[in-house]
Amino acid sequence: MISPILDRIALALARLIPNKVAHHLMFLVQSEPAIPDRWGYHIRPIHYYEPLPDFRSLKAEQINRRRDPAAIALNWEQQLRLLRLDFTRLSKCRSRTLVRGSNKVQAFIKFLV
């Protein structure tokens, strides 16, 4: 166990570190998350995905498994039907536009496809 005197010395030395050096040290530790994870600390950038789990306890199966979003009804069949309908409409629009012969419209259609 570290004595309180050593704690105060360590904190006093930490206060002497210039901000630029401290930021760089934190960046280095953050870029190698296995090091602080081994110590039981999770140094991560502030992010909207809070709270963070204990990364040591996560298994590969938990990370790689497929998850369906609970709050979003994706309705894959409906999405595919709408997508096919949109492409059908686009191809009809393209054929009508190409008949008109406008170079600008043709270039735009080529850009889309």
C-alpha atoms as a PDB file:
ATOM      1  CA  MET A   1       0.000   0.000   0.000  1.00  0.00           C
ATOM      2  CA  ILE A   2       1.272   3.442  -0.888  1.00  0.00           C
ATOM      3  CA  SER A   3       1.658   5.807   2.006  1.00  0.00           C
ATOM      4  CA  PRO A   4      -0.161   9.171   2.122  1.00  0.00           C
ATOM      5  CA  ILE A   5       3.184  10.972   1.861  1.00  0.00           C
ATOM      6  CA  LEU A   6       3.945   9.258  -1.448  1.00  0.00           C
ATOM      7  CA  ASP A   7       0.419  10.115  -2.617  1.00  0.00           C
ATOM      8  CA  ARG A   8       1.017  13.808  -1.906  1.00  0.00           C
ATOM      9  CA  ILE A   9       4.405  13.700  -3.648  1.00  0.00           C
ATOM     10  CA  ALA A  10       2.888  12.017  -6.713  1.00  0.00           C
ATOM     11  CA  LEU A  11       0.080  14.588  -6.879  1.00  0.00           C
ATOM     12  CA  ALA A  12       2.533  17.475  -6.455  1.00  0.00           C
ATOM     13  CA  LEU A  13       4.644  16.114  -9.319  1.00  0.00           C
ATOM     14  CA  ALA A  14       1.534  15.635 -11.467  1.00  0.00           C
ATOM     15  CA  ARG A  15       0.617  19.307 -10.925  1.00  0.00           C
ATOM     16  CA  LEU A  16       4.035  20.300 -12.278  1.00  0.00           C
ATOM     17  CA  ILE A  17       3.491  18.530 -15.601  1.00  0.00           C
ATOM     18  CA  PRO A  18       2.743  21.071 -18.362  1.00  0.00           C
ATOM     19  CA  ASN A  19      -0.749  20.795 -19.844  1.00  0.00           C
ATOM     20  CA  LYS A  20       0.554  19.957 -23.322  1.00  0.00           C
ATOM     21  CA  VAL A  21       2.625  17.067 -21.967  1.00  0.00           C
ATOM     22  CA  ALA A  22      -0.268  15.817 -19.817  1.00  0.00           C
ATOM     23  CA  HIS A  23      -2.647  15.866 -22.792  1.00  0.00           C
ATOM     24  CA  HIS A  24      -0.161  13.890 -24.843  1.00  0.00           C
ATOM     25  CA  LEU A  25       0.365  11.356 -22.045  1.00  0.00           C
ATOM     26  CA  MET A  26      -3.401  10.884 -21.696  1.00  0.00           C
ATOM     27  CA  PHE A  27      -3.671  10.462 -25.478  1.00  0.00           C
ATOM     28  CA  LEU A  28      -0.989   7.770 -25.391  1.00  0.00           C
ATOM     29  CA  VAL A  29      -2.651   5.889 -22.544  1.00  0.00           C
ATOM     30  CA  GLN A  30      -6.048   6.223 -24.242  1.00  0.00           C
ATOM     31  CA  SER A  31      -4.675   4.890 -27.548  1.00  0.00           C
ATOM     32  CA  GLU A  32      -3.499   1.713 -25.774  1.00  0.00           C
ATOM     33  CA  PRO A  33      -6.625   0.777 -23.776  1.00  0.00           C
ATOM     34  CA  ALA A  34      -5.191  -2.577 -22.669  1.00  0.00           C
ATOM     35  CA  ILE A  35      -2.756  -0.809 -20.323  1.00  0.00           C
ATOM     36  CA  PRO A  36      -5.266   1.083 -18.135  1.00  0.00           C
ATOM     37  CA  ASP A  37      -7.770  -1.794 -18.478  1.00  0.00           C
ATOM     38  CA  ARG A  38      -5.181  -4.033 -16.844  1.00  0.00           C
ATOM     39  CA  TRP A  39      -5.050  -1.572 -13.941  1.00  0.00           C
ATOM     40  CA  GLY A  40      -8.850  -1.549 -13.683  1.00  0.00           C
ATOM     41  CA  TYR A  41      -9.270   1.943 -15.147  1.00  0.00           C
ATOM     42  CA  HIS A  42     -11.074   2.821 -18.355  1.00  0.00           C
ATOM     43  CA  ILE A  43      -9.656   5.973 -19.906  1.00  0.00           C
ATOM     44  CA  ARG A  44     -11.864   6.776 -22.861  1.00  0.00           C
ATOM     45  CA  PRO A  45     -12.773  10.026 -24.589  1.00  0.00           C
ATOM     46  CA  ILE A  46     -15.998  11.679 -23.491  1.00  0.00           C
ATOM     47  CA  HIS A  47     -18.673  10.256 -25.744  1.00  0.00           C
ATOM     48  CA  TYR A  48     -22.434   9.943 -25.896  1.00  0.00           C
ATOM     49  CA  TYR A  49     -22.269   6.148 -25.449  1.00  0.00           C
ATOM     50  CA  GLU A  50     -22.342   6.230 -21.644  1.00  0.00           C
ATOM     51  CA  PRO A  51     -22.060   4.396 -19.337  1.00  0.00           C
ATOM     52  CA  LEU A  52     -19.101   2.342 -20.483  1.00  0.00           C
ATOM     53  CA  PRO A  53     -18.883  -1.340 -19.604  1.00  0.00           C
ATOM     54  CA  ASP A  54     -15.950  -3.048 -17.929  1.00  0.00           C
ATOM     55  CA  PHE A  55     -14.031  -3.962 -21.078  1.00  0.00           C
ATOM     56  CA  ARG A  56     -12.172  -6.776 -19.326  1.00  0.00           C
ATOM     57  CA  SER A  57     -15.441  -8.650 -18.831  1.00  0.00           C
ATOM     58  CA  LEU A  58     -16.582  -8.488 -22.480  1.00  0.00           C
ATOM     59  CA  LYS A  59     -16.165 -11.657 -24.530  1.00  0.00           C
ATOM     60  CA  ALA A  60     -15.757 -11.822 -28.311  1.00  0.00           C
ATOM     61  CA  GLU A  61     -19.174 -13.521 -28.669  1.00  0.00           C
ATOM     62  CA  GLN A  62     -20.853 -10.602 -26.901  1.00  0.00           C
ATOM     63  CA  ILE A  63     -19.183  -8.077 -29.160  1.00  0.00           C
ATOM     64  CA  ASN A  64     -19.676  -9.888 -32.469  1.00  0.00           C
ATOM     65  CA  ARG A  65     -23.229 -11.174 -32.074  1.00  0.00           C
ATOM     66  CA  ARG A  66     -25.943  -9.666 -34.252  1.00  0.00           C
ATOM     67  CA  ARG A  67     -28.345  -7.359 -32.445  1.00  0.00           C
ATOM     68  CA  ASP A  68     -31.604  -5.990 -33.775  1.00  0.00           C
ATOM     69  CA  PRO A  69     -32.420  -2.492 -32.547  1.00  0.00           C
ATOM     70  CA  ALA A  70     -35.264  -2.693 -30.045  1.00  0.00           C
ATOM     71  CA  ALA A  71     -36.546   0.844 -30.618  1.00  0.00           C
ATOM     72  CA  ILE A  72     -36.624   0.697 -34.437  1.00  0.00           C
ATOM     73  CA  ALA A  73     -38.995  -1.476 -36.455  1.00  0.00           C
ATOM     74  CA  LEU A  74     -36.928  -2.006 -39.589  1.00  0.00           C
ATOM     75  CA  ASN A  75     -39.535  -4.120 -41.420  1.00  0.00           C
ATOM     76  CA  TRP A  76     -37.049  -5.448 -43.986  1.00  0.00           C
ATOM     77  CA  GLU A  77     -39.671  -6.700 -46.476  1.00  0.00           C
ATOM     78  CA  GLN A  78     -41.321  -3.256 -46.658  1.00  0.00           C
ATOM     79  CA  GLN A  79     -37.934  -1.547 -47.028  1.00  0.00           C
ATOM     80  CA  LEU A  80     -36.951  -3.829 -49.918  1.00  0.00           C
ATOM     81  CA  ARG A  81     -40.321  -3.279 -51.622  1.00  0.00           C
ATOM     82  CA  LEU A  82     -39.909   0.515 -51.389  1.00  0.00           C
ATOM     83  CA  LEU A  83     -36.366   0.294 -52.685  1.00  0.00           C
ATOM     84  CA  ARG A  84     -37.461  -1.746 -55.715  1.00  0.00           C
ATOM     85  CA  LEU A  85     -40.281   0.721 -56.354  1.00  0.00           C
ATOM     86  CA  ASP A  86     -37.860   3.670 -56.225  1.00  0.00           C
ATOM     87  CA  PHE A  87     -35.496   2.021 -58.703  1.00  0.00           C
ATOM     88  CA  THR A  88     -38.401   1.248 -61.025  1.00  0.00           C
ATOM     89  CA  ARG A  89     -39.485   4.897 -60.929  1.00  0.00           C
ATOM     90  CA  LEU A  90     -35.898   6.059 -61.471  1.00  0.00           C
ATOM     91  CA  SER A  91     -35.452   3.864 -64.530  1.00  0.00           C
ATOM     92  CA  LYS A  92     -38.753   5.123 -66.022  1.00  0.00           C
ATOM     93  CA  CYS A  93     -37.726   8.714 -65.335  1.00  0.00           C
ATOM     94  CA  ARG A  94     -34.322   8.050 -66.870  1.00  0.00           C
ATOM     95  CA  SER A  95     -35.764   6.611 -70.073  1.00  0.00           C
ATOM     96  CA  ARG A  96     -38.170   9.572 -70.469  1.00  0.00           C
ATOM     97  CA  THR A  97     -35.384  12.066 -69.831  1.00  0.00           C
ATOM     98  CA  LEU A  98     -32.974  10.448 -72.266  1.00  0.00           C
ATOM     99  CA  VAL A  99     -35.603  10.710 -74.991  1.00  0.00           C
ATOM    100  CA  ARG A 100     -35.711  14.479 -74.481  1.00  0.00           C
ATOM    101  CA  GLY A 101     -31.983  14.625 -75.189  1.00  0.00           C
ATOM    102  CA  SER A 102     -30.909  17.271 -72.680  1.00  0.00           C
ATOM    103  CA  ASN A 103     -27.147  16.982 -72.114  1.00  0.00           C
ATOM    104  CA  LYS A 104     -27.333  18.417 -68.603  1.00  0.00           C
ATOM    105  CA  VAL A 105     -30.081  15.992 -67.603  1.00  0.00           C
ATOM    106  CA  GLN A 106     -28.190  13.069 -69.163  1.00  0.00           C
ATOM    107  CA  ALA A 107     -25.067  14.008 -67.236  1.00  0.00           C
ATOM    108  CA  PHE A 108     -27.077  14.242 -64.016  1.00  0.00           C
ATOM    109  CA  ILE A 109     -28.644  10.815 -64.619  1.00  0.00           C
ATOM    110  CA  LYS A 110     -25.212   9.315 -65.286  1.00  0.00           C
ATOM    111  CA  PHE A 111     -24.042  10.902 -62.055  1.00  0.00           C
ATOM    112  CA  LEU A 112     -26.928   9.263 -60.170  1.00  0.00           C
ATOM    113  CA  VAL A 113     -26.304   5.841 -61.644  1.00  0.00           C
END
